[in-house]
Amino acid sequence: MDLILNTLQRFGQFLSEPETLRIFVSNRFLMILLVIFLLKIKYKTYSNIYLSALVNIPGTLLHETAHFITGLVLNAQPTKFTIVPQKRIDGYVMGSVGFRNIQFYNALPSALAPLSLLVIGYFFNKWFFENVTLNYLNYIAYIFLQTVIIENALPSAQDFKVAFSKPLGILLYGFIFFLLVLYF
């Protein structure tokens, strides 16, 4: 019994050393391992729609809000906003935003709007390491939040279908991108 208590006490001392925390935070292998662990836990919830919805609601809210705001600003006229999972023939849809006015000028940005979450993730990363006192709990919370933000920044297959449904819009945004690359 003393051996177990002694081992736990030494392990606690090891974890409380600032150098150990620096090694943990700067080790990319451990960070990737933690992200994969979090994703495995998330994927285990997919067998139960209610548990899956609970785990996915924060990210789904971010993803669908990006669609909604961009569609609102670009006159795509959002008609429906839901983060309630819906059963479909091919599985479940965690959330959706419907649009009434998809045009060539708003299809691509409205459909690919969740990519803007990557900007939020970038600035959250910068803010976190400049303003938060680092400890294990904060770092694990940081990894969790960044995983949610980045994973939900990826557009779905349906998003890509809408984004590329208007060829004139693809030409328009391709030309704008070309000009940006040319001048910057």
C-alpha atoms as a PDB file:
ATOM      1  CA  MET A   1       0.000   0.000   0.000  1.00  0.00           C
ATOM      2  CA  ASP A   2       2.859   2.357   0.831  1.00  0.00           C
ATOM      3  CA  LEU A   3       4.409   1.600  -2.568  1.00  0.00           C
ATOM      4  CA  ILE A   4       1.211   2.685  -4.371  1.00  0.00           C
ATOM      5  CA  LEU A   5       0.854   5.877  -2.306  1.00  0.00           C
ATOM      6  CA  ASN A   6       4.535   6.689  -2.753  1.00  0.00           C
ATOM      7  CA  THR A   7       4.284   6.121  -6.520  1.00  0.00           C
ATOM      8  CA  LEU A   8       1.185   8.320  -6.787  1.00  0.00           C
ATOM      9  CA  GLN A   9       2.853  11.028  -4.729  1.00  0.00           C
ATOM     10  CA  ARG A  10       5.959  11.003  -6.937  1.00  0.00           C
ATOM     11  CA  PHE A  11       3.806  11.040 -10.066  1.00  0.00           C
ATOM     12  CA  GLY A  12       1.895  14.059  -8.670  1.00  0.00           C
ATOM     13  CA  GLN A  13       5.177  15.859  -7.953  1.00  0.00           C
ATOM     14  CA  PHE A  14       6.398  15.056 -11.469  1.00  0.00           C
ATOM     15  CA  LEU A  15       3.225  16.505 -13.004  1.00  0.00           C
ATOM     16  CA  SER A  16       3.374  19.655 -10.870  1.00  0.00           C
ATOM     17  CA  GLU A  17       6.858  20.611 -12.068  1.00  0.00           C
ATOM     18  CA  PRO A  18       6.766  23.509 -14.578  1.00  0.00           C
ATOM     19  CA  GLU A  19       9.252  21.735 -16.848  1.00  0.00           C
ATOM     20  CA  THR A  20       6.937  18.718 -17.148  1.00  0.00           C
ATOM     21  CA  LEU A  21       4.081  20.993 -18.224  1.00  0.00           C
ATOM     22  CA  ARG A  22       6.316  22.669 -20.834  1.00  0.00           C
ATOM     23  CA  ILE A  23       7.293  19.244 -22.221  1.00  0.00           C
ATOM     24  CA  PHE A  24       3.638  18.177 -22.352  1.00  0.00           C
ATOM     25  CA  VAL A  25       2.514  21.367 -24.120  1.00  0.00           C
ATOM     26  CA  SER A  26       5.391  21.506 -26.616  1.00  0.00           C
ATOM     27  CA  ASN A  27       5.172  17.818 -27.552  1.00  0.00           C
ATOM     28  CA  ARG A  28       3.212  17.587 -30.798  1.00  0.00           C
ATOM     29  CA  PHE A  29       2.995  13.810 -30.520  1.00  0.00           C
ATOM     30  CA  LEU A  30       1.097  14.065 -27.227  1.00  0.00           C
ATOM     31  CA  MET A  31      -1.166  16.758 -28.668  1.00  0.00           C
ATOM     32  CA  ILE A  32      -2.071  14.605 -31.697  1.00  0.00           C
ATOM     33  CA  LEU A  33      -2.588  11.610 -29.408  1.00  0.00           C
ATOM     34  CA  LEU A  34      -5.004  13.636 -27.270  1.00  0.00           C
ATOM     35  CA  VAL A  35      -6.915  14.870 -30.338  1.00  0.00           C
ATOM     36  CA  ILE A  36      -7.262  11.318 -31.682  1.00  0.00           C
ATOM     37  CA  PHE A  37      -8.391  10.135 -28.241  1.00  0.00           C
ATOM     38  CA  LEU A  38     -11.077  12.858 -28.173  1.00  0.00           C
ATOM     39  CA  LEU A  39     -12.236  11.945 -31.677  1.00  0.00           C
ATOM     40  CA  LYS A  40     -12.402   8.242 -30.791  1.00  0.00           C
ATOM     41  CA  ILE A  41     -14.631   9.079 -27.830  1.00  0.00           C
ATOM     42  CA  LYS A  42     -16.795  11.188 -30.127  1.00  0.00           C
ATOM     43  CA  TYR A  43     -17.123   8.425 -32.733  1.00  0.00           C
ATOM     44  CA  LYS A  44     -18.107   5.921 -30.018  1.00  0.00           C
ATOM     45  CA  THR A  45     -21.184   8.082 -29.348  1.00  0.00           C
ATOM     46  CA  TYR A  46     -22.470   7.603 -32.927  1.00  0.00           C
ATOM     47  CA  SER A  47     -24.271   4.382 -31.989  1.00  0.00           C
ATOM     48  CA  ASN A  48     -26.709   6.429 -29.889  1.00  0.00           C
ATOM     49  CA  ILE A  49     -28.299   9.408 -31.675  1.00  0.00           C
ATOM     50  CA  TYR A  50     -29.091  11.263 -28.439  1.00  0.00           C
ATOM     51  CA  LEU A  51     -25.563  10.932 -27.066  1.00  0.00           C
ATOM     52  CA  SER A  52     -24.170  11.802 -30.475  1.00  0.00           C
ATOM     53  CA  ALA A  53     -26.336  14.909 -30.672  1.00  0.00           C
ATOM     54  CA  LEU A  54     -25.219  15.998 -27.206  1.00  0.00           C
ATOM     55  CA  VAL A  55     -21.545  15.619 -28.121  1.00  0.00           C
ATOM     56  CA  ASN A  56     -21.969  17.285 -31.533  1.00  0.00           C
ATOM     57  CA  ILE A  57     -24.237  20.213 -30.613  1.00  0.00           C
ATOM     58  CA  PRO A  58     -21.470  22.770 -29.861  1.00  0.00           C
ATOM     59  CA  GLY A  59     -19.697  22.147 -33.159  1.00  0.00           C
ATOM     60  CA  THR A  60     -22.926  21.866 -35.138  1.00  0.00           C
ATOM     61  CA  LEU A  61     -24.043  25.196 -33.690  1.00  0.00           C
ATOM     62  CA  LEU A  62     -20.790  26.832 -34.847  1.00  0.00           C
ATOM     63  CA  HIS A  63     -20.973  25.225 -38.310  1.00  0.00           C
ATOM     64  CA  GLU A  64     -24.621  26.104 -38.985  1.00  0.00           C
ATOM     65  CA  THR A  65     -24.272  29.613 -37.541  1.00  0.00           C
ATOM     66  CA  ALA A  66     -21.468  30.292 -40.028  1.00  0.00           C
ATOM     67  CA  HIS A  67     -23.793  29.259 -42.873  1.00  0.00           C
ATOM     68  CA  PHE A  68     -26.659  31.323 -41.477  1.00  0.00           C
ATOM     69  CA  ILE A  69     -24.705  34.562 -40.925  1.00  0.00           C
ATOM     70  CA  THR A  70     -22.960  34.405 -44.301  1.00  0.00           C
ATOM     71  CA  GLY A  71     -26.243  33.630 -46.061  1.00  0.00           C
ATOM     72  CA  LEU A  72     -27.926  36.504 -44.250  1.00  0.00           C
ATOM     73  CA  VAL A  73     -25.179  38.982 -45.180  1.00  0.00           C
ATOM     74  CA  LEU A  74     -25.065  37.835 -48.830  1.00  0.00           C
ATOM     75  CA  ASN A  75     -28.858  37.778 -49.322  1.00  0.00           C
ATOM     76  CA  ALA A  76     -29.205  33.996 -49.590  1.00  0.00           C
ATOM     77  CA  GLN A  77     -32.244  34.471 -47.319  1.00  0.00           C
ATOM     78  CA  PRO A  78     -31.913  31.704 -44.712  1.00  0.00           C
ATOM     79  CA  THR A  79     -35.272  30.042 -44.086  1.00  0.00           C
ATOM     80  CA  LYS A  80     -34.538  27.238 -41.678  1.00  0.00           C
ATOM     81  CA  PHE A  81     -31.953  26.749 -38.939  1.00  0.00           C
ATOM     82  CA  THR A  82     -31.730  23.546 -36.945  1.00  0.00           C
ATOM     83  CA  ILE A  83     -29.177  21.742 -34.847  1.00  0.00           C
ATOM     84  CA  VAL A  84     -31.582  18.939 -33.993  1.00  0.00           C
ATOM     85  CA  PRO A  85     -30.441  15.649 -35.571  1.00  0.00           C
ATOM     86  CA  GLN A  86     -32.704  14.281 -38.287  1.00  0.00           C
ATOM     87  CA  LYS A  87     -32.788  10.689 -39.482  1.00  0.00           C
ATOM     88  CA  ARG A  88     -32.303  10.263 -43.209  1.00  0.00           C
ATOM     89  CA  ILE A  89     -32.111   7.180 -45.406  1.00  0.00           C
ATOM     90  CA  ASP A  90     -28.305   7.324 -45.485  1.00  0.00           C
ATOM     91  CA  GLY A  91     -27.815   8.163 -41.791  1.00  0.00           C
ATOM     92  CA  TYR A  92     -28.284  11.241 -39.627  1.00  0.00           C
ATOM     93  CA  VAL A  93     -27.927  14.929 -40.403  1.00  0.00           C
ATOM     94  CA  MET A  94     -26.800  16.791 -37.283  1.00  0.00           C
ATOM     95  CA  GLY A  95     -28.036  20.212 -38.412  1.00  0.00           C
ATOM     96  CA  SER A  96     -28.902  22.302 -41.407  1.00  0.00           C
ATOM     97  CA  VAL A  97     -29.642  25.748 -42.751  1.00  0.00           C
ATOM     98  CA  GLY A  98     -32.063  26.211 -45.629  1.00  0.00           C
ATOM     99  CA  PHE A  99     -31.790  29.089 -48.107  1.00  0.00           C
ATOM    100  CA  ARG A 100     -34.491  30.610 -50.291  1.00  0.00           C
ATOM    101  CA  ASN A 101     -32.291  32.699 -52.592  1.00  0.00           C
ATOM    102  CA  ILE A 102     -29.140  30.836 -53.647  1.00  0.00           C
ATOM    103  CA  GLN A 103     -27.596  32.810 -56.510  1.00  0.00           C
ATOM    104  CA  PHE A 104     -24.248  32.741 -58.316  1.00  0.00           C
ATOM    105  CA  TYR A 105     -22.778  35.411 -56.038  1.00  0.00           C
ATOM    106  CA  ASN A 106     -23.771  33.828 -52.710  1.00  0.00           C
ATOM    107  CA  ALA A 107     -23.746  30.050 -53.277  1.00  0.00           C
ATOM    108  CA  LEU A 108     -20.013  29.488 -52.825  1.00  0.00           C
ATOM    109  CA  PRO A 109     -19.455  31.721 -49.753  1.00  0.00           C
ATOM    110  CA  SER A 110     -22.692  30.652 -48.029  1.00  0.00           C
ATOM    111  CA  ALA A 111     -21.954  26.956 -48.522  1.00  0.00           C
ATOM    112  CA  LEU A 112     -18.268  27.152 -47.583  1.00  0.00           C
ATOM    113  CA  ALA A 113     -18.831  29.596 -44.696  1.00  0.00           C
ATOM    114  CA  PRO A 114     -17.754  27.099 -42.005  1.00  0.00           C
ATOM    115  CA  LEU A 115     -14.183  27.483 -43.308  1.00  0.00           C
ATOM    116  CA  SER A 116     -14.270  30.870 -41.555  1.00  0.00           C
ATOM    117  CA  LEU A 117     -14.111  28.931 -38.282  1.00  0.00           C
ATOM    118  CA  LEU A 118     -10.445  28.282 -39.094  1.00  0.00           C
ATOM    119  CA  VAL A 119      -9.845  32.024 -38.641  1.00  0.00           C
ATOM    120  CA  ILE A 120     -11.558  31.838 -35.248  1.00  0.00           C
ATOM    121  CA  GLY A 121      -9.406  28.827 -34.344  1.00  0.00           C
ATOM    122  CA  TYR A 122      -6.246  30.692 -35.376  1.00  0.00           C
ATOM    123  CA  PHE A 123      -7.042  33.749 -33.257  1.00  0.00           C
ATOM    124  CA  PHE A 124      -8.226  31.605 -30.343  1.00  0.00           C
ATOM    125  CA  ASN A 125      -4.849  29.833 -30.457  1.00  0.00           C
ATOM    126  CA  LYS A 126      -3.001  33.157 -30.406  1.00  0.00           C
ATOM    127  CA  TRP A 127      -5.171  34.568 -27.622  1.00  0.00           C
ATOM    128  CA  PHE A 128      -4.960  31.414 -25.495  1.00  0.00           C
ATOM    129  CA  PHE A 129      -1.178  31.209 -25.337  1.00  0.00           C
ATOM    130  CA  GLU A 130      -0.828  34.958 -24.703  1.00  0.00           C
ATOM    131  CA  ASN A 131      -3.503  35.316 -22.000  1.00  0.00           C
ATOM    132  CA  VAL A 132      -4.195  32.040 -20.214  1.00  0.00           C
ATOM    133  CA  THR A 133      -2.102  30.691 -17.377  1.00  0.00           C
ATOM    134  CA  LEU A 134      -1.032  27.304 -18.589  1.00  0.00           C
ATOM    135  CA  ASN A 135      -1.850  24.174 -16.609  1.00  0.00           C
ATOM    136  CA  TYR A 136      -2.948  20.676 -17.601  1.00  0.00           C
ATOM    137  CA  LEU A 137      -6.662  21.343 -17.270  1.00  0.00           C
ATOM    138  CA  ASN A 138      -6.482  24.539 -19.356  1.00  0.00           C
ATOM    139  CA  TYR A 139      -4.411  22.799 -22.001  1.00  0.00           C
ATOM    140  CA  ILE A 140      -6.812  19.859 -22.274  1.00  0.00           C
ATOM    141  CA  ALA A 141      -9.720  22.341 -22.537  1.00  0.00           C
ATOM    142  CA  TYR A 142      -7.765  24.183 -25.253  1.00  0.00           C
ATOM    143  CA  ILE A 143      -7.237  20.933 -27.211  1.00  0.00           C
ATOM    144  CA  PHE A 144     -10.934  20.083 -26.869  1.00  0.00           C
ATOM    145  CA  LEU A 145     -12.109  23.516 -28.052  1.00  0.00           C
ATOM    146  CA  GLN A 146      -9.667  23.629 -30.966  1.00  0.00           C
ATOM    147  CA  THR A 147     -10.718  20.120 -32.009  1.00  0.00           C
ATOM    148  CA  VAL A 148     -14.384  21.178 -32.018  1.00  0.00           C
ATOM    149  CA  ILE A 149     -13.655  24.388 -33.939  1.00  0.00           C
ATOM    150  CA  ILE A 150     -11.388  22.845 -36.569  1.00  0.00           C
ATOM    151  CA  GLU A 151     -13.413  19.676 -37.099  1.00  0.00           C
ATOM    152  CA  ASN A 152     -16.592  21.686 -37.653  1.00  0.00           C
ATOM    153  CA  ALA A 153     -14.859  24.112 -40.009  1.00  0.00           C
ATOM    154  CA  LEU A 154     -14.836  21.399 -42.643  1.00  0.00           C
ATOM    155  CA  PRO A 155     -17.736  21.717 -45.111  1.00  0.00           C
ATOM    156  CA  SER A 156     -19.958  18.682 -45.615  1.00  0.00           C
ATOM    157  CA  ALA A 157     -20.550  16.896 -48.921  1.00  0.00           C
ATOM    158  CA  GLN A 158     -23.872  18.761 -49.217  1.00  0.00           C
ATOM    159  CA  ASP A 159     -22.040  22.054 -48.630  1.00  0.00           C
ATOM    160  CA  PHE A 160     -19.717  21.297 -51.552  1.00  0.00           C
ATOM    161  CA  LYS A 161     -22.696  20.419 -53.794  1.00  0.00           C
ATOM    162  CA  VAL A 162     -24.282  23.812 -53.101  1.00  0.00           C
ATOM    163  CA  ALA A 163     -20.967  25.664 -53.349  1.00  0.00           C
ATOM    164  CA  PHE A 164     -20.231  24.341 -56.815  1.00  0.00           C
ATOM    165  CA  SER A 165     -23.807  24.410 -58.129  1.00  0.00           C
ATOM    166  CA  LYS A 166     -23.396  27.830 -59.750  1.00  0.00           C
ATOM    167  CA  PRO A 167     -20.606  27.846 -62.393  1.00  0.00           C
ATOM    168  CA  LEU A 168     -20.725  31.634 -62.765  1.00  0.00           C
ATOM    169  CA  GLY A 169     -20.045  31.978 -59.045  1.00  0.00           C
ATOM    170  CA  ILE A 170     -17.064  29.648 -59.303  1.00  0.00           C
ATOM    171  CA  LEU A 171     -15.672  31.813 -62.111  1.00  0.00           C
ATOM    172  CA  LEU A 172     -16.339  34.996 -60.123  1.00  0.00           C
ATOM    173  CA  TYR A 173     -14.612  33.804 -56.947  1.00  0.00           C
ATOM    174  CA  GLY A 174     -11.846  32.099 -58.940  1.00  0.00           C
ATOM    175  CA  PHE A 175     -11.129  35.436 -60.638  1.00  0.00           C
ATOM    176  CA  ILE A 176     -11.162  37.299 -57.306  1.00  0.00           C
ATOM    177  CA  PHE A 177      -8.799  34.700 -55.827  1.00  0.00           C
ATOM    178  CA  PHE A 178      -6.515  35.018 -58.872  1.00  0.00           C
ATOM    179  CA  LEU A 179      -6.374  38.814 -58.432  1.00  0.00           C
ATOM    180  CA  LEU A 180      -5.624  38.483 -54.725  1.00  0.00           C
ATOM    181  CA  VAL A 181      -2.756  36.091 -55.416  1.00  0.00           C
ATOM    182  CA  LEU A 182      -1.467  38.328 -58.202  1.00  0.00           C
ATOM    183  CA  TYR A 183      -1.442  41.520 -56.135  1.00  0.00           C
ATOM    184  CA  PHE A 184      -0.388  40.124 -52.773  1.00  0.00           C
END
